[in-house]
Amino acid sequence: MNYAGIPDEFAQLETSEIVLIPVPYDGTSTWIKGANKGPDAFLEASENMEIYDIETDSEVYKKGVFLTDPVTENNSPEEMVNAVHKTASQYIKQGKFVSLFGGEHSVSIGSIRAFRENFEDLTVLQLDAHADLRPEYDGSKCNHACAVHEAQHTTNLVQVGIRSMDSVEKPYLKKENCFFACDIQKNQDWMNDALSKITENVFITIDLDVFDPSIMPSTGTPEPGGLNWYQVIDFIRLVAKNKNIVGFDIMELCPNKSNKAPDFLAAKLYYKILSYVFSNK
């Protein structure tokens, strides 16, 4: 199987600039289950997507997109994180542009470790409804509720779209680097303000619940008051134009068989980010 049904000549590891790692993991989610089915739904939607991007006048798949075997480790959250870390590092060290699709947000703990080790002065840009700053949850530091706790201590974490958190997370929150959804609605210049907090190298981690549930209901914990499509992609375009996006992941798609639109949104978002990144390289 090739990503998006692209021709074989653009899907080989040796000649591809881009690597896509699926991680169908859903071991620690606490409400709506199904993120383990996210990668398959995303790949199915991608096969039905036009692969010419109007805005950038490009066909980024011609850079080559190699779809790896899925990371299927599920013995424990810690072992899954280690497997993701190892797999992502392997391809980063080969000089590939590495992207991942999950799976619940705990997957990103492994992603971030890999990029932190391979890129200096790294910003982790988190687009999410939830702060995900708990030091541990349900007895594990590798829980989806802890997705960026480690990154807050080891990288420059910038959070965008946050609108839900627990009081236990407050000591770990850097308010100057957090752009709450309620404040975004009042601040027309929030994108430039957020951009000013980002270092040259940036890894983007996206929990799809950053979007308003009116357009993205298929997540583990949909939260009202989210961002819309153009707020998200306009911001990512701005980041791609001004910074060096070194990789990204997209998490928390819980597909609904009766509503395929969110699956397609995820597919389009993935391709849009690639189009922005490579049109600025």
Protein backbone atom coordinates (compact mmCIF):
# COMPACT_ATOMS: atom_id res chain seq x y z
CA MET A 1 0.00 0.00 0.00
CA ASN A 2 1.28 3.46 -0.94
CA TYR A 3 0.34 6.67 0.83
CA ALA A 4 -2.55 8.38 -1.01
CA GLY A 5 -2.28 5.81 -3.80
CA ILE A 6 0.75 7.60 -5.23
CA PRO A 7 2.75 5.84 -7.98
CA ASP A 8 5.42 3.38 -6.83
CA GLU A 9 8.19 5.61 -8.13
CA PHE A 10 7.32 8.18 -5.43
CA ALA A 11 6.81 5.67 -2.62
CA GLN A 12 10.24 4.05 -2.22
CA LEU A 13 12.34 4.70 0.87
CA GLU A 14 15.56 5.23 -1.06
CA THR A 15 14.17 8.06 -3.18
CA SER A 16 11.62 9.59 -0.78
CA GLU A 17 12.35 12.77 1.15
CA ILE A 18 9.33 12.22 3.41
CA VAL A 19 8.58 9.32 5.76
CA LEU A 20 5.14 8.68 7.24
CA ILE A 21 4.95 6.47 10.35
CA PRO A 22 1.49 5.21 11.40
CA VAL A 23 1.05 4.44 15.11
CA PRO A 24 -2.34 2.76 15.78
CA TYR A 25 -2.17 2.97 19.57
CA ASP A 26 -5.01 3.62 22.01
CA GLY A 27 -3.82 2.20 25.32
CA THR A 28 -4.41 5.07 27.78
CA SER A 29 -7.39 7.08 26.48
CA THR A 30 -10.04 7.62 29.13
CA TRP A 31 -13.25 8.44 27.29
CA ILE A 32 -13.99 7.79 23.62
CA LYS A 33 -11.93 4.86 22.36
CA GLY A 34 -10.93 4.34 18.73
CA ALA A 35 -7.72 6.31 18.10
CA ASN A 36 -6.05 3.02 17.16
CA LYS A 37 -8.28 3.04 14.07
CA GLY A 38 -7.19 6.57 13.16
CA PRO A 39 -4.26 5.72 10.87
CA ASP A 40 -6.31 3.38 8.68
CA ALA A 41 -9.13 5.92 8.36
CA PHE A 42 -6.62 8.65 7.54
CA LEU A 43 -4.94 6.52 4.87
CA GLU A 44 -8.29 5.57 3.32
CA ALA A 45 -9.32 9.23 3.15
CA SER A 46 -5.94 10.15 1.68
CA GLU A 47 -6.53 7.78 -1.23
CA ASN A 48 -9.62 9.82 -2.12
CA MET A 49 -7.91 13.21 -1.93
CA GLU A 50 -6.75 15.33 -4.85
CA ILE A 51 -2.96 15.53 -4.63
CA TYR A 52 -2.49 18.82 -6.43
CA ASP A 53 -2.48 21.69 -3.93
CA ILE A 54 -4.10 24.82 -5.37
CA GLU A 55 -2.67 27.31 -2.88
CA THR A 56 0.99 26.34 -3.30
CA ASP A 57 0.61 25.25 -6.94
CA SER A 58 2.45 22.07 -6.06
CA GLU A 59 2.31 18.28 -5.97
CA VAL A 60 4.36 17.60 -2.87
CA TYR A 61 4.00 13.82 -3.18
CA LYS A 62 6.61 14.03 -5.96
CA LYS A 63 9.18 14.66 -3.22
CA GLY A 64 8.50 11.03 -2.33
CA VAL A 65 6.45 9.77 0.62
CA PHE A 66 7.48 6.43 2.10
CA LEU A 67 4.81 4.77 4.25
CA THR A 68 6.43 2.62 6.92
CA ASP A 69 4.98 -0.43 8.60
CA PRO A 70 2.89 0.68 11.58
CA VAL A 71 4.42 0.81 15.03
CA THR A 72 2.26 -1.78 16.81
CA GLU A 73 3.95 -2.08 20.22
CA ASN A 74 1.20 -2.14 22.85
CA ASN A 75 2.53 -4.11 25.82
CA SER A 76 2.70 -0.91 27.87
CA PRO A 77 2.62 2.85 27.27
CA GLU A 78 6.33 3.03 28.10
CA GLU A 79 7.26 0.35 25.57
CA MET A 80 5.11 2.03 22.91
CA VAL A 81 6.85 5.37 23.54
CA ASN A 82 10.25 3.69 23.28
CA ALA A 83 9.27 2.00 20.00
CA VAL A 84 8.08 5.30 18.50
CA HIS A 85 11.25 7.03 19.68
CA LYS A 86 13.44 4.36 18.11
CA THR A 87 11.52 4.26 14.81
CA ALA A 88 11.38 8.04 14.34
CA SER A 89 15.08 8.40 15.22
CA GLN A 90 16.02 5.76 12.68
CA TYR A 91 14.51 7.75 9.80
CA ILE A 92 15.61 11.17 11.07
CA LYS A 93 19.20 9.92 11.08
CA GLN A 94 18.74 8.88 7.44
CA GLY A 95 18.03 12.51 6.60
CA LYS A 96 14.31 12.02 6.00
CA PHE A 97 11.56 14.49 6.82
CA VAL A 98 9.69 12.43 9.39
CA SER A 99 5.96 12.64 10.09
CA LEU A 100 3.71 10.46 12.23
CA PHE A 101 0.00 9.77 12.41
CA GLY A 102 -1.66 8.27 15.51
CA GLY A 103 -3.07 7.02 17.65
CA GLU A 104 -3.61 8.80 20.93
CA HIS A 105 -1.47 11.73 22.00
CA SER A 106 0.86 9.70 24.26
CA VAL A 107 2.53 8.65 20.99
CA SER A 108 3.99 12.15 20.78
CA ILE A 109 6.16 11.60 23.84
CA GLY A 110 8.24 9.25 21.68
CA SER A 111 8.12 11.57 18.67
CA ILE A 112 9.34 14.54 20.67
CA ARG A 113 12.20 12.59 22.25
CA ALA A 114 13.47 11.62 18.81
CA PHE A 115 13.38 15.15 17.41
CA ARG A 116 14.81 16.71 20.58
CA GLU A 117 17.86 14.45 20.30
CA ASN A 118 18.44 15.27 16.66
CA PHE A 119 17.75 19.00 16.42
CA GLU A 120 19.26 21.79 18.49
CA ASP A 121 17.27 24.56 20.15
CA LEU A 122 13.97 22.82 19.39
CA THR A 123 10.53 24.32 19.85
CA VAL A 124 7.63 21.93 20.25
CA LEU A 125 4.55 23.66 18.90
CA GLN A 126 1.46 21.98 20.35
CA LEU A 127 -1.94 22.60 18.77
CA ASP A 128 -4.44 21.07 21.16
CA ALA A 129 -7.59 21.57 23.22
CA HIS A 130 -5.90 20.15 26.31
CA ALA A 131 -2.76 21.25 28.15
CA ASP A 132 -1.51 17.63 28.54
CA LEU A 133 0.93 18.73 31.26
CA ARG A 134 0.22 16.17 33.98
CA PRO A 135 3.44 14.63 35.32
CA GLU A 136 1.67 11.26 35.43
CA TYR A 137 -1.84 9.88 35.11
CA ASP A 138 -3.32 6.50 35.93
CA GLY A 139 0.08 5.41 37.18
CA SER A 140 2.02 6.23 34.01
CA LYS A 141 4.16 9.13 32.82
CA CYS A 142 3.39 7.99 29.26
CA ASN A 143 -0.34 8.68 29.41
CA HIS A 144 -2.14 10.81 26.82
CA ALA A 145 -2.76 13.37 29.58
CA CYS A 146 1.03 13.74 29.95
CA ALA A 147 1.83 14.18 26.25
CA VAL A 148 3.93 17.35 26.59
CA HIS A 149 4.94 17.35 30.26
CA GLU A 150 8.42 16.10 29.38
CA ALA A 151 8.67 18.54 26.47
CA GLN A 152 7.96 21.45 28.82
CA HIS A 153 11.20 20.59 30.63
CA THR A 154 13.40 19.57 27.67
CA THR A 155 12.32 21.87 24.82
CA ASN A 156 10.76 25.28 24.20
CA LEU A 157 7.07 24.38 24.38
CA VAL A 158 4.54 26.71 22.74
CA GLN A 159 0.88 25.77 23.24
CA VAL A 160 -1.96 26.96 21.00
CA GLY A 161 -5.72 26.42 21.24
CA ILE A 162 -5.79 25.20 24.85
CA ARG A 163 -9.20 25.37 26.48
CA SER A 164 -9.21 22.53 29.01
CA MET A 165 -6.84 21.66 31.88
CA ASP A 166 -6.75 20.44 35.45
CA SER A 167 -5.48 22.55 38.33
CA VAL A 168 -2.66 20.04 38.92
CA GLU A 169 -1.19 21.19 35.59
CA LYS A 170 -0.95 24.87 36.57
CA PRO A 171 2.56 24.66 38.09
CA TYR A 172 3.87 23.30 34.78
CA LEU A 173 2.19 25.89 32.55
CA LYS A 174 4.29 28.72 31.08
CA LYS A 175 1.63 31.36 30.55
CA GLU A 176 3.82 33.46 28.30
CA ASN A 177 4.06 30.53 25.86
CA CYS A 178 0.43 29.44 26.04
CA PHE A 179 -2.22 30.85 23.72
CA PHE A 180 -5.57 29.87 25.17
CA ALA A 181 -8.48 29.54 22.76
CA CYS A 182 -10.48 32.17 24.68
CA ASP A 183 -7.64 34.68 24.25
CA ILE A 184 -7.17 33.85 20.57
CA GLN A 185 -10.75 34.97 19.94
CA LYS A 186 -9.89 38.42 21.34
CA ASN A 187 -6.41 38.91 19.89
CA GLN A 188 -6.19 39.51 16.15
CA ASP A 189 -2.40 39.41 16.31
CA TRP A 190 -2.12 36.10 18.16
CA MET A 191 -0.38 34.36 15.28
CA ASN A 192 2.53 36.81 15.21
CA ASP A 193 2.67 36.78 19.01
CA ALA A 194 2.94 32.99 18.99
CA LEU A 195 5.48 33.04 16.16
CA SER A 196 7.72 35.29 18.24
CA LYS A 197 7.97 32.55 20.89
CA ILE A 198 9.19 29.90 18.42
CA THR A 199 12.88 29.12 17.84
CA GLU A 200 14.31 28.35 14.38
CA ASN A 201 13.76 24.58 14.55
CA VAL A 202 10.19 23.54 15.32
CA PHE A 203 8.40 20.22 15.65
CA ILE A 204 4.61 20.47 15.44
CA THR A 205 2.37 18.12 17.38
CA ILE A 206 -1.32 18.35 16.56
CA ASP A 207 -4.13 16.86 18.58
CA LEU A 208 -7.09 17.05 16.23
CA ASP A 209 -9.31 18.25 19.07
CA VAL A 210 -7.66 21.66 18.59
CA PHE A 211 -10.35 22.05 15.93
CA ASP A 212 -13.88 22.93 16.97
CA PRO A 213 -16.02 19.78 17.23
CA SER A 214 -18.42 21.26 14.66
CA ILE A 215 -15.81 20.29 12.04
CA MET A 216 -13.82 17.68 14.01
CA PRO A 217 -16.15 15.62 16.22
CA SER A 218 -14.11 12.43 15.73
CA THR A 219 -11.70 12.77 18.64
CA GLY A 220 -11.31 11.14 22.03
CA THR A 221 -12.35 14.26 23.96
CA PRO A 222 -14.05 16.88 21.76
CA GLU A 223 -14.08 20.32 23.41
CA PRO A 224 -16.31 23.25 22.38
CA GLY A 225 -14.75 26.56 21.39
CA GLY A 226 -12.01 25.22 19.13
CA LEU A 227 -10.19 26.73 16.18
CA ASN A 228 -11.49 26.62 12.63
CA TRP A 229 -9.77 25.23 9.55
CA TYR A 230 -8.29 28.50 8.31
CA GLN A 231 -7.04 29.59 11.72
CA VAL A 232 -5.01 26.39 11.95
CA ILE A 233 -3.64 26.26 8.42
CA ASP A 234 -2.97 30.01 8.24
CA PHE A 235 -0.88 29.72 11.38
CA ILE A 236 1.00 26.68 10.12
CA ARG A 237 1.66 28.49 6.82
CA LEU A 238 3.10 31.43 8.77
CA VAL A 239 5.34 29.12 10.79
CA ALA A 240 6.52 27.27 7.66
CA LYS A 241 7.40 30.56 5.98
CA ASN A 242 9.43 31.92 8.90
CA LYS A 243 10.83 28.86 10.70
CA ASN A 244 12.33 25.46 9.93
CA ILE A 245 9.66 22.82 10.50
CA VAL A 246 11.72 19.68 11.10
CA GLY A 247 8.80 17.26 11.40
CA PHE A 248 5.28 16.88 12.76
CA ASP A 249 2.71 14.46 14.05
CA ILE A 250 -1.09 14.38 13.99
CA MET A 251 -2.94 12.50 16.74
CA GLU A 252 -6.32 11.54 18.19
CA LEU A 253 -8.47 10.76 15.15
CA CYS A 254 -11.25 8.47 16.39
CA PRO A 255 -13.09 7.67 13.15
CA ASN A 256 -16.86 7.44 12.93
CA LYS A 257 -18.13 5.20 10.13
CA SER A 258 -21.21 7.37 9.63
CA ASN A 259 -19.22 10.60 9.21
CA LYS A 260 -16.14 10.46 7.00
CA ALA A 261 -15.64 14.23 6.83
CA PRO A 262 -13.30 14.40 9.87
CA ASP A 263 -11.14 11.64 8.35
CA PHE A 264 -10.83 13.72 5.21
CA LEU A 265 -10.01 16.84 7.23
CA ALA A 266 -7.12 14.95 8.82
CA ALA A 267 -5.92 13.74 5.43
CA LYS A 268 -6.09 17.22 3.96
CA LEU A 269 -4.32 18.74 6.97
CA TYR A 270 -1.43 16.30 6.65
CA TYR A 271 -0.98 17.04 2.95
CA LYS A 272 -1.37 20.78 3.50
CA ILE A 273 1.45 20.82 6.04
CA LEU A 274 3.74 18.95 3.64
CA SER A 275 2.82 21.40 0.89
CA TYR A 276 3.70 24.38 3.09
CA VAL A 277 6.94 22.87 4.35
CA PHE A 278 8.34 21.93 0.96
CA SER A 279 7.18 25.06 -0.85
CA ASN A 280 9.39 26.98 1.63
CA LYS A 281 12.48 24.73 1.45
